[in-house]
Amino acid sequence: MSGRDIRKEELLSRSLIVKALDPQTQQELATYAHIKSFEAGEVIFNVGSPGLSLIAIAEGKARVEVVTATGRDIILSELRKGDVFGEIALLDGGARSATVRASTRCTLVLLERSTVIGVLKRDPLFSIKLIELLCRRVRRSDERMMEIGFLNLPTRLARLILRLSEEPPFSEEKPSSRLSNSQSDLAKMIGNTRENVNRCLRKWQGAGYVALSDGWLIILDRQNLSELAED
């Protein structure tokens, strides 16, 4: 295997579903994989474009976006190192169901549809892992849509802030107290406006729940935020 293929195999192995494969299959996937980089803000693919590849994030972060019928941007999910995306269109051969944009500089590993389908046909474990990934993605999207449709702004925002503070590389056991997400992005994640999010955060800042400093959102009172999230 060439040095380039070793690099691709190492990057691919950071994906949870690829990690489940045997070493020989990982090597095979690395042989056919392509590495591509994107700068922060650059579109990786647009909604409606052909779904020709499965993509794993080796470095960086990306976000899944959709535009509603009223023209509002909503961020459906944040993707991090080890996450895989593009699986829906790849599996059914249809168009991309959402736009994915790089949040930071990203290094991606792309696997063409024919390669992935070939592995799926002969490796049940890979199929199961991909199904689990799809189910998690659908559950997450359903939860976001339910929150947007039925919960008030403070509850949605409190849930989002707590969720972001507990996502990798953090955890529920060791959550982060500082978030760098912009207020515009927070608004897009809960289907609201930056102005409304800013008013809510300023109110919480006055109550001592959070602090806003140099682009950071600092969690000061996790207990009260948790109570708001349960309303």
Protein backbone atom coordinates (compact mmCIF):
# COMPACT_ATOMS: atom_id res chain seq x y z
CA MET A 1 0.00 0.00 0.00
CA SER A 2 1.33 3.45 -0.90
CA GLY A 3 1.95 6.21 1.63
CA ARG A 4 -1.06 8.02 0.19
CA ASP A 5 -3.31 4.97 0.79
CA ILE A 6 -1.99 4.59 4.35
CA ARG A 7 -2.96 8.22 4.96
CA LYS A 8 -6.47 7.58 3.57
CA GLU A 9 -6.89 4.44 5.66
CA GLU A 10 -5.85 6.31 8.82
CA LEU A 11 -8.33 9.11 8.06
CA LEU A 12 -11.14 6.66 7.25
CA SER A 13 -10.55 4.72 10.47
CA ARG A 14 -11.65 7.81 12.42
CA SER A 15 -15.20 7.14 11.23
CA LEU A 16 -17.20 4.99 13.64
CA ILE A 17 -18.88 2.90 10.93
CA VAL A 18 -15.65 2.27 9.03
CA LYS A 19 -13.89 1.38 12.26
CA ALA A 20 -16.27 -1.57 12.59
CA LEU A 21 -14.93 -3.18 9.41
CA ASP A 22 -12.14 -5.73 9.27
CA PRO A 23 -8.64 -4.42 8.37
CA GLN A 24 -8.73 -5.91 4.85
CA THR A 25 -11.99 -4.10 3.99
CA GLN A 26 -10.65 -0.86 5.48
CA GLN A 27 -7.62 -1.16 3.21
CA GLU A 28 -9.85 -1.78 0.23
CA LEU A 29 -11.94 1.30 0.97
CA ALA A 30 -8.78 3.38 1.39
CA THR A 31 -7.59 2.30 -2.04
CA TYR A 32 -10.68 3.79 -3.69
CA ALA A 33 -11.15 6.79 -1.38
CA HIS A 34 -10.46 10.41 -2.27
CA ILE A 35 -9.26 13.13 0.10
CA LYS A 36 -10.65 16.62 -0.33
CA SER A 37 -10.34 19.81 1.72
CA PHE A 38 -12.81 22.67 2.18
CA GLU A 39 -12.36 26.08 3.75
CA ALA A 40 -14.71 27.43 6.44
CA GLY A 41 -17.99 28.56 4.88
CA GLU A 42 -17.47 26.61 1.66
CA VAL A 43 -20.35 24.44 0.43
CA ILE A 44 -19.48 20.72 0.34
CA PHE A 45 -22.63 19.88 -1.62
CA ASN A 46 -25.96 21.55 -2.27
CA VAL A 47 -29.46 20.19 -1.80
CA GLY A 48 -30.62 18.60 -5.06
CA SER A 49 -27.14 17.70 -6.31
CA PRO A 50 -26.44 14.06 -7.29
CA GLY A 51 -25.62 11.74 -4.39
CA LEU A 52 -22.53 10.03 -5.73
CA SER A 53 -20.44 9.54 -2.59
CA LEU A 54 -20.39 8.78 1.12
CA ILE A 55 -18.28 11.30 3.04
CA ALA A 56 -16.40 10.95 6.34
CA ILE A 57 -15.00 13.91 8.26
CA ALA A 58 -11.36 13.32 9.10
CA GLU A 59 -10.69 16.81 10.48
CA GLY A 60 -12.87 19.83 11.17
CA LYS A 61 -16.61 20.45 11.45
CA ALA A 62 -19.52 20.87 9.04
CA ARG A 63 -23.22 21.59 9.31
CA VAL A 64 -26.34 20.29 7.58
CA GLU A 65 -28.63 23.10 6.40
CA VAL A 66 -32.07 23.43 4.81
CA VAL A 67 -34.12 26.43 3.70
CA THR A 68 -37.79 26.47 4.69
CA ALA A 69 -40.65 27.45 2.39
CA THR A 70 -40.57 30.92 3.99
CA GLY A 71 -36.88 31.33 3.16
CA ARG A 72 -35.54 30.79 6.68
CA ASP A 73 -32.24 28.92 7.08
CA ILE A 74 -32.28 26.07 9.59
CA ILE A 75 -29.24 24.08 10.73
CA LEU A 76 -30.40 20.48 11.18
CA SER A 77 -27.20 19.13 12.68
CA GLU A 78 -23.53 19.80 13.38
CA LEU A 79 -21.05 17.22 12.12
CA ARG A 80 -17.63 16.58 13.66
CA LYS A 81 -14.53 14.46 13.16
CA GLY A 82 -15.55 10.83 12.74
CA ASP A 83 -19.06 11.61 11.49
CA VAL A 84 -20.29 10.29 8.14
CA PHE A 85 -22.83 12.03 5.92
CA GLY A 86 -24.33 11.84 2.44
CA GLU A 87 -25.65 8.35 3.11
CA ILE A 88 -29.31 8.90 2.15
CA ALA A 89 -28.73 9.96 -1.45
CA LEU A 90 -25.93 7.44 -1.80
CA LEU A 91 -28.18 4.54 -0.79
CA ASP A 92 -31.22 5.40 -2.91
CA GLY A 93 -29.34 6.97 -5.82
CA GLY A 94 -31.40 10.16 -5.53
CA ALA A 95 -30.50 13.81 -5.04
CA ARG A 96 -29.01 15.28 -1.86
CA SER A 97 -31.73 16.03 0.71
CA ALA A 98 -29.91 18.98 2.33
CA THR A 99 -26.95 21.33 1.91
CA VAL A 100 -23.75 20.61 3.84
CA ARG A 101 -21.33 23.48 4.52
CA ALA A 102 -17.92 23.49 6.21
CA SER A 103 -18.06 25.25 9.60
CA THR A 104 -14.26 25.16 9.89
CA ARG A 105 -11.52 24.04 7.54
CA CYS A 106 -12.35 20.39 6.81
CA THR A 107 -10.46 17.37 5.56
CA LEU A 108 -12.93 14.88 4.09
CA VAL A 109 -12.62 11.33 2.80
CA LEU A 110 -14.99 10.53 -0.08
CA LEU A 111 -16.10 7.03 -1.06
CA GLU A 112 -17.84 6.57 -4.39
CA ARG A 113 -21.29 4.98 -4.46
CA SER A 114 -20.21 1.87 -6.38
CA THR A 115 -17.49 1.12 -3.80
CA VAL A 116 -19.79 1.52 -0.80
CA ILE A 117 -22.62 -0.53 -2.37
CA GLY A 118 -20.12 -3.31 -3.09
CA VAL A 119 -19.08 -3.46 0.57
CA LEU A 120 -22.70 -3.29 1.76
CA LYS A 121 -23.60 -6.32 -0.34
CA ARG A 122 -21.02 -8.55 1.28
CA ASP A 123 -20.47 -7.11 4.76
CA PRO A 124 -23.54 -7.27 7.08
CA LEU A 125 -21.75 -5.38 9.87
CA PHE A 126 -21.18 -2.37 7.64
CA SER A 127 -24.85 -2.45 6.65
CA ILE A 128 -25.94 -2.57 10.30
CA LYS A 129 -23.67 0.35 11.24
CA LEU A 130 -25.02 2.40 8.36
CA ILE A 131 -28.60 1.64 9.39
CA GLU A 132 -27.78 2.71 12.97
CA LEU A 133 -26.30 5.94 11.62
CA LEU A 134 -29.43 6.63 9.57
CA CYS A 135 -31.70 5.96 12.55
CA ARG A 136 -29.72 8.35 14.77
CA ARG A 137 -29.86 11.01 12.06
CA VAL A 138 -33.63 10.62 11.63
CA ARG A 139 -34.23 10.72 15.40
CA ARG A 140 -32.12 13.88 15.72
CA SER A 141 -33.96 15.62 12.88
CA ASP A 142 -37.35 14.58 14.32
CA GLU A 143 -36.39 15.98 17.71
CA ARG A 144 -35.32 19.29 16.16
CA MET A 145 -38.56 19.60 14.18
CA MET A 146 -40.68 18.76 17.26
CA GLU A 147 -38.86 21.38 19.30
CA ILE A 148 -39.28 24.03 16.60
CA GLY A 149 -42.97 23.21 16.21
CA PHE A 150 -44.07 22.90 19.84
CA LEU A 151 -41.62 24.48 22.32
CA ASN A 152 -41.17 28.16 23.14
CA LEU A 153 -37.93 30.02 22.39
CA PRO A 154 -36.36 29.95 25.89
CA THR A 155 -36.93 26.19 26.21
CA ARG A 156 -35.54 25.47 22.73
CA LEU A 157 -32.51 27.70 23.31
CA ALA A 158 -31.76 26.23 26.74
CA ARG A 159 -31.97 22.68 25.32
CA LEU A 160 -29.67 23.62 22.44
CA ILE A 161 -27.03 25.26 24.65
CA LEU A 162 -26.95 22.29 27.02
CA ARG A 163 -26.84 19.82 24.11
CA LEU A 164 -23.93 21.65 22.45
CA SER A 165 -22.03 21.76 25.74
CA GLU A 166 -22.31 17.97 26.05
CA GLU A 167 -21.52 16.91 22.48
CA PRO A 168 -18.07 15.55 21.50
CA PRO A 169 -15.34 16.39 22.34
CA PHE A 170 -17.28 17.11 25.55
CA SER A 171 -19.64 14.75 27.38
CA GLU A 172 -22.47 14.75 29.92
CA GLU A 173 -19.90 13.84 32.57
CA LYS A 174 -17.51 16.65 31.55
CA PRO A 175 -19.58 19.29 29.74
CA SER A 176 -18.06 22.50 28.45
CA SER A 177 -18.92 25.82 30.07
CA ARG A 178 -17.87 27.85 26.98
CA LEU A 179 -19.42 27.78 23.51
CA SER A 180 -18.11 29.63 20.45
CA ASN A 181 -21.27 29.25 18.34
CA SER A 182 -22.47 32.57 16.95
CA GLN A 183 -25.92 33.88 17.86
CA SER A 184 -26.86 33.65 14.17
CA ASP A 185 -26.00 29.95 14.13
CA LEU A 186 -27.87 29.34 17.40
CA ALA A 187 -30.93 31.01 15.84
CA LYS A 188 -30.68 28.82 12.73
CA MET A 189 -30.46 25.69 14.89
CA ILE A 190 -33.74 26.46 16.66
CA GLY A 191 -35.60 28.01 13.72
CA ASN A 192 -35.74 31.58 15.02
CA THR A 193 -34.09 34.97 14.47
CA ARG A 194 -30.79 36.30 15.78
CA GLU A 195 -32.60 39.27 17.34
CA ASN A 196 -34.87 37.03 19.43
CA VAL A 197 -31.96 34.84 20.50
CA ASN A 198 -29.96 37.92 21.50
CA ARG A 199 -32.85 39.27 23.61
CA CYS A 200 -33.20 35.93 25.38
CA LEU A 201 -29.46 35.63 26.06
CA ARG A 202 -29.31 39.22 27.36
CA LYS A 203 -32.15 38.43 29.74
CA TRP A 204 -30.34 35.32 30.95
CA GLN A 205 -27.14 37.31 31.31
CA GLY A 206 -28.98 39.74 33.61
CA ALA A 207 -30.26 36.80 35.65
CA GLY A 208 -26.76 35.33 35.95
CA TYR A 209 -27.45 32.19 33.90
CA VAL A 210 -24.91 32.96 31.15
CA ALA A 211 -22.26 35.52 30.22
CA LEU A 212 -21.46 36.90 26.76
CA SER A 213 -17.81 37.83 26.31
CA ASP A 214 -15.59 38.26 23.21
CA GLY A 215 -17.74 35.97 21.05
CA TRP A 216 -18.05 33.30 23.74
CA LEU A 217 -21.24 32.13 25.41
CA ILE A 218 -20.28 31.14 28.95
CA ILE A 219 -22.60 28.93 31.01
CA LEU A 220 -22.73 30.19 34.60
CA ASP A 221 -25.83 28.45 35.98
CA ARG A 222 -26.37 25.02 34.41
CA GLN A 223 -29.07 24.11 36.93
CA ASN A 224 -31.37 26.97 35.99
CA LEU A 225 -30.77 26.33 32.27
CA SER A 226 -31.71 22.69 32.85
CA GLU A 227 -34.95 23.77 34.53
CA LEU A 228 -35.73 26.05 31.57
CA ALA A 229 -35.04 23.17 29.19
CA GLU A 230 -37.62 21.02 31.00
CA ASP A 231 -40.44 23.60 30.86
